[in-house]
Amino acid sequence: MAVKLNLDKLDLQIIHHMMEDAQISYADLGKKLFVSGGTIHVRIKKLLEAGVVKGTKLNVDLKQLGHDVIAFIGIYLEKSSMYDSVAKELQKVPEIVRLNYTTGNYSMFAEIVCRDIAQLRWVLHDQLQKIKGIERTETFISLEESFSRNVKVIP
């Protein structure tokens, strides 16, 4: 059973503002929310310990760094009971940036980032197809990302 967290309006406001700009200082965020920077620090620490906040990430334009191919891989498993062991193996593939257990046609759906098509082919052929439990895959190459956003959490 999921643990019920006691998040109040201030917690949700902190999350909202930090999702918009994770670089904002605790002091500046405190000023916006009419509390001290120390209060923000304590609340963020509480949210981290509770697992609500899982750290911060730098949003990088991967194309600027030479990673020109983003693909989505639909993965069919031999048996759904193999999900955990396959997920563990897929986690070892650094090009896979996201993995979801899904309903529908695929057992799993992965997002993969590669420098080029040759690297994508190598990952598909030499990495994924050798993992025990993967029956087959279906690949969708992203032509363009129109937008990416977080969900609004403000009450």
N, C-alpha and C. Protein backbone atom coordinates (compact mmCIF):
# COMPACT_ATOMS: atom_id res chain seq x y z
N MET A 1 0.84 -1.18 0.00
CA MET A 1 0.00 0.00 0.00
C MET A 1 0.88 1.25 0.00
N ALA A 2 0.55 2.23 -0.81
CA ALA A 2 1.34 3.46 -0.92
C ALA A 2 1.23 4.28 0.36
N VAL A 3 2.36 4.88 0.73
CA VAL A 3 2.39 5.73 1.91
C VAL A 3 1.82 7.10 1.55
N LYS A 4 0.91 7.60 2.35
CA LYS A 4 0.29 8.91 2.13
C LYS A 4 1.26 9.98 2.64
N LEU A 5 1.67 10.87 1.75
CA LEU A 5 2.56 11.96 2.12
C LEU A 5 1.74 13.17 2.52
N ASN A 6 2.22 13.87 3.50
CA ASN A 6 1.56 15.10 3.93
C ASN A 6 2.24 16.29 3.28
N LEU A 7 1.87 16.56 2.04
CA LEU A 7 2.41 17.70 1.33
C LEU A 7 1.42 18.85 1.46
N ASP A 8 1.93 20.00 1.89
CA ASP A 8 1.04 21.15 2.01
C ASP A 8 1.22 22.08 0.80
N LYS A 9 0.52 23.19 0.84
CA LYS A 9 0.54 24.14 -0.27
C LYS A 9 1.95 24.65 -0.53
N LEU A 10 2.73 24.91 0.53
CA LEU A 10 4.10 25.40 0.36
C LEU A 10 4.96 24.35 -0.35
N ASP A 11 4.83 23.08 0.04
CA ASP A 11 5.58 22.01 -0.63
C ASP A 11 5.28 22.01 -2.12
N LEU A 12 4.01 22.09 -2.47
CA LEU A 12 3.60 22.06 -3.88
C LEU A 12 4.09 23.31 -4.62
N GLN A 13 4.09 24.45 -3.95
CA GLN A 13 4.61 25.68 -4.58
C GLN A 13 6.12 25.55 -4.82
N ILE A 14 6.83 24.99 -3.87
CA ILE A 14 8.28 24.79 -4.03
C ILE A 14 8.53 23.87 -5.22
N ILE A 15 7.81 22.76 -5.28
CA ILE A 15 7.97 21.82 -6.39
C ILE A 15 7.69 22.52 -7.71
N HIS A 16 6.59 23.25 -7.76
CA HIS A 16 6.20 23.96 -8.99
C HIS A 16 7.32 24.90 -9.46
N HIS A 17 7.81 25.74 -8.56
CA HIS A 17 8.83 26.71 -8.94
C HIS A 17 10.15 26.05 -9.30
N MET A 18 10.52 25.00 -8.58
CA MET A 18 11.77 24.30 -8.87
C MET A 18 11.68 23.54 -10.20
N MET A 19 10.50 23.07 -10.56
CA MET A 19 10.34 22.41 -11.86
C MET A 19 10.47 23.42 -13.00
N GLU A 20 10.07 24.64 -12.75
CA GLU A 20 10.19 25.70 -13.75
C GLU A 20 11.63 26.19 -13.88
N ASP A 21 12.35 26.28 -12.74
CA ASP A 21 13.72 26.78 -12.74
C ASP A 21 14.47 26.17 -11.56
N ALA A 22 15.15 25.06 -11.81
CA ALA A 22 15.87 24.35 -10.74
C ALA A 22 17.11 25.11 -10.28
N GLN A 23 17.50 26.14 -11.01
CA GLN A 23 18.69 26.91 -10.62
C GLN A 23 18.37 28.04 -9.65
N ILE A 24 17.11 28.29 -9.40
CA ILE A 24 16.76 29.38 -8.49
C ILE A 24 17.34 29.09 -7.10
N SER A 25 17.90 30.10 -6.48
CA SER A 25 18.48 29.90 -5.15
C SER A 25 17.36 29.74 -4.13
N TYR A 26 17.68 29.06 -3.04
CA TYR A 26 16.69 28.89 -1.97
C TYR A 26 16.27 30.24 -1.42
N ALA A 27 17.21 31.18 -1.35
CA ALA A 27 16.89 32.52 -0.83
C ALA A 27 15.90 33.22 -1.76
N ASP A 28 16.16 33.17 -3.07
CA ASP A 28 15.26 33.82 -4.02
C ASP A 28 13.89 33.16 -4.04
N LEU A 29 13.87 31.84 -3.96
CA LEU A 29 12.59 31.14 -3.93
C LEU A 29 11.84 31.47 -2.65
N GLY A 30 12.56 31.57 -1.54
CA GLY A 30 11.93 31.95 -0.28
C GLY A 30 11.28 33.31 -0.37
N LYS A 31 11.96 34.26 -1.03
CA LYS A 31 11.39 35.59 -1.20
C LYS A 31 10.09 35.54 -2.01
N LYS A 32 10.09 34.73 -3.06
CA LYS A 32 8.88 34.60 -3.90
C LYS A 32 7.71 34.02 -3.10
N LEU A 33 8.04 33.11 -2.18
CA LEU A 33 6.99 32.41 -1.44
C LEU A 33 6.78 32.96 -0.03
N PHE A 34 7.49 34.05 0.30
CA PHE A 34 7.35 34.74 1.58
C PHE A 34 7.74 33.86 2.78
N VAL A 35 8.80 33.08 2.59
CA VAL A 35 9.39 32.29 3.68
C VAL A 35 10.90 32.43 3.59
N SER A 36 11.61 31.94 4.58
CA SER A 36 13.07 32.05 4.58
C SER A 36 13.71 31.02 3.65
N GLY A 37 14.93 31.32 3.23
CA GLY A 37 15.70 30.36 2.44
C GLY A 37 15.93 29.08 3.22
N GLY A 38 16.08 29.20 4.54
CA GLY A 38 16.25 28.02 5.39
C GLY A 38 15.03 27.11 5.36
N THR A 39 13.85 27.72 5.33
CA THR A 39 12.62 26.93 5.24
C THR A 39 12.58 26.16 3.92
N ILE A 40 12.98 26.82 2.83
CA ILE A 40 13.03 26.15 1.53
C ILE A 40 14.00 24.98 1.60
N HIS A 41 15.17 25.20 2.18
CA HIS A 41 16.19 24.15 2.30
C HIS A 41 15.63 22.94 3.06
N VAL A 42 14.99 23.18 4.18
CA VAL A 42 14.42 22.10 5.00
C VAL A 42 13.34 21.36 4.22
N ARG A 43 12.49 22.10 3.53
CA ARG A 43 11.40 21.46 2.76
C ARG A 43 11.96 20.62 1.61
N ILE A 44 12.96 21.14 0.90
CA ILE A 44 13.57 20.38 -0.20
C ILE A 44 14.22 19.11 0.35
N LYS A 45 14.89 19.21 1.47
CA LYS A 45 15.51 18.03 2.09
C LYS A 45 14.44 16.99 2.44
N LYS A 46 13.33 17.44 2.98
CA LYS A 46 12.21 16.55 3.32
C LYS A 46 11.67 15.87 2.07
N LEU A 47 11.51 16.64 0.99
CA LEU A 47 10.99 16.10 -0.27
C LEU A 47 11.96 15.09 -0.89
N LEU A 48 13.26 15.35 -0.75
CA LEU A 48 14.27 14.40 -1.23
C LEU A 48 14.23 13.10 -0.43
N GLU A 49 14.16 13.21 0.88
CA GLU A 49 14.13 12.03 1.74
C GLU A 49 12.87 11.19 1.52
N ALA A 50 11.77 11.85 1.19
CA ALA A 50 10.52 11.15 0.94
C ALA A 50 10.47 10.54 -0.47
N GLY A 51 11.44 10.91 -1.31
CA GLY A 51 11.47 10.39 -2.67
C GLY A 51 10.57 11.14 -3.63
N VAL A 52 9.96 12.24 -3.17
CA VAL A 52 9.12 13.05 -4.05
C VAL A 52 10.01 13.76 -5.07
N VAL A 53 11.09 14.33 -4.60
CA VAL A 53 12.08 14.97 -5.45
C VAL A 53 13.24 13.98 -5.59
N LYS A 54 13.64 13.74 -6.80
CA LYS A 54 14.69 12.75 -7.07
C LYS A 54 15.96 13.41 -7.57
N GLY A 55 16.22 14.62 -7.16
CA GLY A 55 17.40 15.33 -7.60
C GLY A 55 17.05 16.33 -8.68
N THR A 56 18.07 16.94 -9.24
CA THR A 56 17.88 17.89 -10.33
C THR A 56 18.70 17.44 -11.52
N LYS A 57 18.26 17.84 -12.71
CA LYS A 57 18.95 17.46 -13.94
C LYS A 57 19.22 18.70 -14.76
N LEU A 58 20.32 18.65 -15.47
CA LEU A 58 20.65 19.71 -16.40
C LEU A 58 19.99 19.36 -17.73
N ASN A 59 19.20 20.26 -18.28
CA ASN A 59 18.52 20.03 -19.54
C ASN A 59 19.47 20.43 -20.67
N VAL A 60 19.97 19.43 -21.40
CA VAL A 60 20.99 19.64 -22.42
C VAL A 60 20.41 19.38 -23.80
N ASP A 61 20.78 20.20 -24.77
CA ASP A 61 20.41 19.96 -26.16
C ASP A 61 21.39 18.92 -26.70
N LEU A 62 20.95 17.67 -26.75
CA LEU A 62 21.82 16.57 -27.12
C LEU A 62 22.33 16.67 -28.56
N LYS A 63 21.55 17.28 -29.42
CA LYS A 63 21.99 17.46 -30.81
C LYS A 63 23.24 18.33 -30.87
N GLN A 64 23.32 19.32 -29.99
CA GLN A 64 24.50 20.20 -29.93
C GLN A 64 25.75 19.41 -29.54
N LEU A 65 25.54 18.28 -28.85
CA LEU A 65 26.66 17.44 -28.42
C LEU A 65 26.89 16.25 -29.36
N GLY A 66 26.20 16.26 -30.50
CA GLY A 66 26.44 15.23 -31.50
C GLY A 66 25.58 14.00 -31.40
N HIS A 67 24.54 14.02 -30.60
CA HIS A 67 23.62 12.89 -30.50
C HIS A 67 22.39 13.23 -31.34
N ASP A 68 22.43 12.78 -32.60
CA ASP A 68 21.43 13.20 -33.57
C ASP A 68 20.23 12.26 -33.72
N VAL A 69 20.25 11.11 -33.06
CA VAL A 69 19.18 10.14 -33.25
C VAL A 69 18.49 9.84 -31.92
N ILE A 70 17.19 10.09 -31.90
CA ILE A 70 16.36 9.68 -30.77
C ILE A 70 15.35 8.69 -31.32
N ALA A 71 15.24 7.55 -30.66
CA ALA A 71 14.32 6.52 -31.13
C ALA A 71 13.54 5.96 -29.95
N PHE A 72 12.40 5.39 -30.27
CA PHE A 72 11.57 4.71 -29.29
C PHE A 72 11.49 3.26 -29.70
N ILE A 73 11.69 2.38 -28.76
CA ILE A 73 11.75 0.95 -29.05
C ILE A 73 10.60 0.24 -28.31
N GLY A 74 9.73 -0.38 -29.08
CA GLY A 74 8.71 -1.24 -28.50
C GLY A 74 9.33 -2.62 -28.32
N ILE A 75 9.29 -3.15 -27.13
CA ILE A 75 9.96 -4.43 -26.83
C ILE A 75 8.92 -5.49 -26.49
N TYR A 76 8.97 -6.58 -27.22
CA TYR A 76 8.11 -7.74 -26.96
C TYR A 76 8.92 -8.73 -26.13
N LEU A 77 8.37 -9.16 -25.02
CA LEU A 77 9.04 -10.16 -24.18
C LEU A 77 8.52 -11.55 -24.49
N GLU A 78 9.37 -12.54 -24.30
CA GLU A 78 8.94 -13.93 -24.46
C GLU A 78 7.84 -14.26 -23.46
N LYS A 79 8.03 -13.78 -22.21
CA LYS A 79 7.04 -13.96 -21.14
C LYS A 79 7.06 -12.70 -20.29
N SER A 80 5.88 -12.26 -19.86
CA SER A 80 5.82 -11.05 -19.03
C SER A 80 6.55 -11.23 -17.70
N SER A 81 6.70 -12.45 -17.25
CA SER A 81 7.41 -12.71 -16.00
C SER A 81 8.90 -12.38 -16.10
N MET A 82 9.38 -12.13 -17.30
CA MET A 82 10.80 -11.82 -17.50
C MET A 82 11.08 -10.32 -17.41
N TYR A 83 10.05 -9.53 -17.12
CA TYR A 83 10.20 -8.07 -17.11
C TYR A 83 11.36 -7.62 -16.23
N ASP A 84 11.40 -8.05 -14.98
CA ASP A 84 12.43 -7.56 -14.06
C ASP A 84 13.84 -7.88 -14.54
N SER A 85 14.06 -9.11 -15.00
CA SER A 85 15.40 -9.50 -15.43
C SER A 85 15.80 -8.75 -16.71
N VAL A 86 14.85 -8.55 -17.62
CA VAL A 86 15.15 -7.81 -18.85
C VAL A 86 15.41 -6.34 -18.53
N ALA A 87 14.61 -5.76 -17.65
CA ALA A 87 14.81 -4.35 -17.26
C ALA A 87 16.19 -4.16 -16.65
N LYS A 88 16.62 -5.11 -15.85
CA LYS A 88 17.94 -5.04 -15.22
C LYS A 88 19.05 -5.03 -16.29
N GLU A 89 18.88 -5.85 -17.32
CA GLU A 89 19.86 -5.90 -18.41
C GLU A 89 19.81 -4.63 -19.26
N LEU A 90 18.61 -4.13 -19.52
CA LEU A 90 18.47 -2.91 -20.32
C LEU A 90 19.08 -1.70 -19.61
N GLN A 91 19.05 -1.72 -18.30
CA GLN A 91 19.63 -0.61 -17.53
C GLN A 91 21.14 -0.50 -17.76
N LYS A 92 21.76 -1.57 -18.19
CA LYS A 92 23.20 -1.58 -18.46
C LYS A 92 23.54 -0.93 -19.80
N VAL A 93 22.54 -0.66 -20.63
CA VAL A 93 22.76 -0.06 -21.95
C VAL A 93 22.67 1.46 -21.78
N PRO A 94 23.80 2.16 -21.83
CA PRO A 94 23.79 3.60 -21.52
C PRO A 94 22.98 4.45 -22.49
N GLU A 95 22.77 3.98 -23.70
CA GLU A 95 22.02 4.76 -24.67
C GLU A 95 20.53 4.79 -24.35
N ILE A 96 20.05 3.85 -23.53
CA ILE A 96 18.64 3.85 -23.13
C ILE A 96 18.48 4.86 -21.99
N VAL A 97 17.67 5.88 -22.22
CA VAL A 97 17.51 6.95 -21.24
C VAL A 97 16.21 6.84 -20.45
N ARG A 98 15.26 6.02 -20.95
CA ARG A 98 13.99 5.85 -20.25
C ARG A 98 13.42 4.49 -20.62
N LEU A 99 12.82 3.83 -19.63
CA LEU A 99 12.21 2.53 -19.87
C LEU A 99 10.90 2.45 -19.10
N ASN A 100 9.85 2.03 -19.78
CA ASN A 100 8.54 1.90 -19.15
C ASN A 100 7.97 0.52 -19.39
N TYR A 101 7.30 0.00 -18.38
CA TYR A 101 6.52 -1.24 -18.48
C TYR A 101 5.15 -0.81 -18.95
N THR A 102 4.65 -1.39 -20.04
CA THR A 102 3.45 -0.85 -20.66
C THR A 102 2.36 -1.90 -20.88
N THR A 103 1.17 -1.39 -21.16
CA THR A 103 0.07 -2.23 -21.63
C THR A 103 0.03 -2.08 -23.15
N GLY A 104 -0.79 -2.85 -23.80
CA GLY A 104 -0.92 -2.72 -25.24
C GLY A 104 -0.03 -3.71 -25.98
N ASN A 105 0.43 -3.31 -27.15
CA ASN A 105 1.19 -4.22 -28.00
C ASN A 105 2.54 -4.63 -27.43
N TYR A 106 3.19 -3.73 -26.72
CA TYR A 106 4.54 -3.99 -26.25
C TYR A 106 4.53 -4.28 -24.75
N SER A 107 5.50 -5.07 -24.33
CA SER A 107 5.68 -5.30 -22.90
C SER A 107 6.40 -4.12 -22.28
N MET A 108 7.34 -3.57 -23.03
CA MET A 108 8.17 -2.46 -22.56
C MET A 108 8.33 -1.45 -23.68
N PHE A 109 8.59 -0.21 -23.29
CA PHE A 109 8.82 0.84 -24.26
C PHE A 109 10.03 1.63 -23.78
N ALA A 110 11.03 1.76 -24.64
CA ALA A 110 12.28 2.42 -24.26
C ALA A 110 12.55 3.62 -25.15
N GLU A 111 13.16 4.62 -24.57
CA GLU A 111 13.66 5.76 -25.34
C GLU A 111 15.17 5.63 -25.39
N ILE A 112 15.73 5.82 -26.57
CA ILE A 112 17.16 5.63 -26.77
C ILE A 112 17.74 6.84 -27.49
N VAL A 113 18.94 7.24 -27.10
CA VAL A 113 19.61 8.38 -27.72
C VAL A 113 20.96 7.89 -28.24
N CYS A 114 21.21 8.16 -29.54
CA CYS A 114 22.45 7.72 -30.18
C CYS A 114 23.07 8.86 -30.98
N ARG A 115 24.36 8.71 -31.25
CA ARG A 115 25.05 9.71 -32.07
C ARG A 115 24.54 9.68 -33.51
N ASP A 116 24.33 8.48 -34.03
CA ASP A 116 23.94 8.34 -35.43
C ASP A 116 23.23 7.00 -35.63
N ILE A 117 22.80 6.74 -36.85
CA ILE A 117 22.08 5.51 -37.18
C ILE A 117 22.96 4.29 -36.97
N ALA A 118 24.25 4.41 -37.26
CA ALA A 118 25.16 3.28 -37.07
C ALA A 118 25.19 2.86 -35.59
N GLN A 119 25.23 3.81 -34.69
CA GLN A 119 25.21 3.47 -33.27
C GLN A 119 23.86 2.86 -32.88
N LEU A 120 22.77 3.40 -33.40
CA LEU A 120 21.45 2.83 -33.13
C LEU A 120 21.40 1.38 -33.59
N ARG A 121 21.89 1.12 -34.78
CA ARG A 121 21.92 -0.25 -35.31
C ARG A 121 22.73 -1.16 -34.40
N TRP A 122 23.88 -0.68 -33.95
CA TRP A 122 24.74 -1.46 -33.07
C TRP A 122 24.01 -1.78 -31.76
N VAL A 123 23.35 -0.79 -31.18
CA VAL A 123 22.62 -1.02 -29.92
C VAL A 123 21.51 -2.04 -30.14
N LEU A 124 20.75 -1.88 -31.22
CA LEU A 124 19.65 -2.81 -31.49
C LEU A 124 20.16 -4.22 -31.74
N HIS A 125 21.15 -4.34 -32.60
CA HIS A 125 21.62 -5.66 -33.02
C HIS A 125 22.54 -6.31 -31.99
N ASP A 126 23.52 -5.57 -31.51
CA ASP A 126 24.54 -6.16 -30.64
C ASP A 126 24.23 -6.07 -29.16
N GLN A 127 23.26 -5.28 -28.79
CA GLN A 127 22.92 -5.15 -27.37
C GLN A 127 21.55 -5.77 -27.08
N LEU A 128 20.50 -5.14 -27.59
CA LEU A 128 19.13 -5.54 -27.23
C LEU A 128 18.78 -6.96 -27.68
N GLN A 129 19.13 -7.32 -28.91
CA GLN A 129 18.72 -8.63 -29.42
C GLN A 129 19.43 -9.78 -28.72
N LYS A 130 20.47 -9.48 -27.96
CA LYS A 130 21.20 -10.53 -27.24
C LYS A 130 20.71 -10.71 -25.81
N ILE A 131 19.76 -9.89 -25.37
CA ILE A 131 19.25 -9.99 -24.00
C ILE A 131 18.23 -11.11 -23.93
N LYS A 132 18.48 -12.04 -23.02
CA LYS A 132 17.59 -13.18 -22.82
C LYS A 132 16.22 -12.68 -22.36
N GLY A 133 15.18 -13.11 -23.08
CA GLY A 133 13.82 -12.72 -22.73
C GLY A 133 13.19 -11.78 -23.73
N ILE A 134 14.03 -11.08 -24.53
CA ILE A 134 13.49 -10.20 -25.56
C ILE A 134 13.19 -11.05 -26.79
N GLU A 135 11.93 -11.08 -27.16
CA GLU A 135 11.51 -11.84 -28.33
C GLU A 135 11.82 -11.08 -29.62
N ARG A 136 11.40 -9.79 -29.64
CA ARG A 136 11.67 -8.93 -30.79
C ARG A 136 11.42 -7.49 -30.39
N THR A 137 11.83 -6.58 -31.26
CA THR A 137 11.64 -5.15 -31.00
C THR A 137 11.06 -4.48 -32.24
N GLU A 138 10.48 -3.32 -32.02
CA GLU A 138 10.01 -2.47 -33.11
C GLU A 138 10.52 -1.06 -32.81
N THR A 139 11.15 -0.45 -33.79
CA THR A 139 11.83 0.83 -33.58
C THR A 139 11.12 1.96 -34.31
N PHE A 140 10.97 3.08 -33.61
CA PHE A 140 10.39 4.30 -34.16
C PHE A 140 11.42 5.41 -34.00
N ILE A 141 11.86 5.99 -35.10
CA ILE A 141 12.83 7.07 -35.04
C ILE A 141 12.09 8.40 -34.95
N SER A 142 12.50 9.21 -33.98
CA SER A 142 11.90 10.53 -33.81
C SER A 142 12.49 11.49 -34.83
N LEU A 143 11.62 12.14 -35.58
CA LEU A 143 12.09 13.14 -36.54
C LEU A 143 12.28 14.50 -35.90
N GLU A 144 11.47 14.79 -34.87
CA GLU A 144 11.55 16.08 -34.19
C GLU A 144 10.77 16.01 -32.89
N GLU A 145 11.31 16.64 -31.85
CA GLU A 145 10.56 16.77 -30.59
C GLU A 145 9.89 18.13 -30.61
N SER A 146 8.58 18.15 -30.59
CA SER A 146 7.85 19.42 -30.64
C SER A 146 7.89 20.15 -29.31
N PHE A 147 7.74 19.41 -28.21
CA PHE A 147 7.86 20.01 -26.89
C PHE A 147 8.04 18.92 -25.85
N SER A 148 8.52 19.33 -24.71
CA SER A 148 8.68 18.46 -23.55
C SER A 148 8.39 19.32 -22.33
N ARG A 149 7.57 18.83 -21.43
CA ARG A 149 7.22 19.66 -20.28
C ARG A 149 6.90 18.79 -19.08
N ASN A 150 6.91 19.43 -17.93
CA ASN A 150 6.50 18.80 -16.70
C ASN A 150 5.01 19.03 -16.50
N VAL A 151 4.41 18.19 -15.71
CA VAL A 151 3.00 18.36 -15.36
C VAL A 151 2.91 19.47 -14.30
N LYS A 152 1.84 20.22 -14.32
CA LYS A 152 1.64 21.28 -13.32
C LYS A 152 1.24 20.64 -12.00
N VAL A 153 1.87 21.06 -10.91
CA VAL A 153 1.56 20.48 -9.60
C VAL A 153 0.98 21.48 -8.62
N ILE A 154 0.87 22.72 -9.03
CA ILE A 154 0.37 23.76 -8.13
C ILE A 154 -1.10 23.46 -7.80
N PRO A 155 -1.48 23.58 -6.50
CA PRO A 155 -2.85 23.25 -6.11
C PRO A 155 -3.87 24.25 -6.65
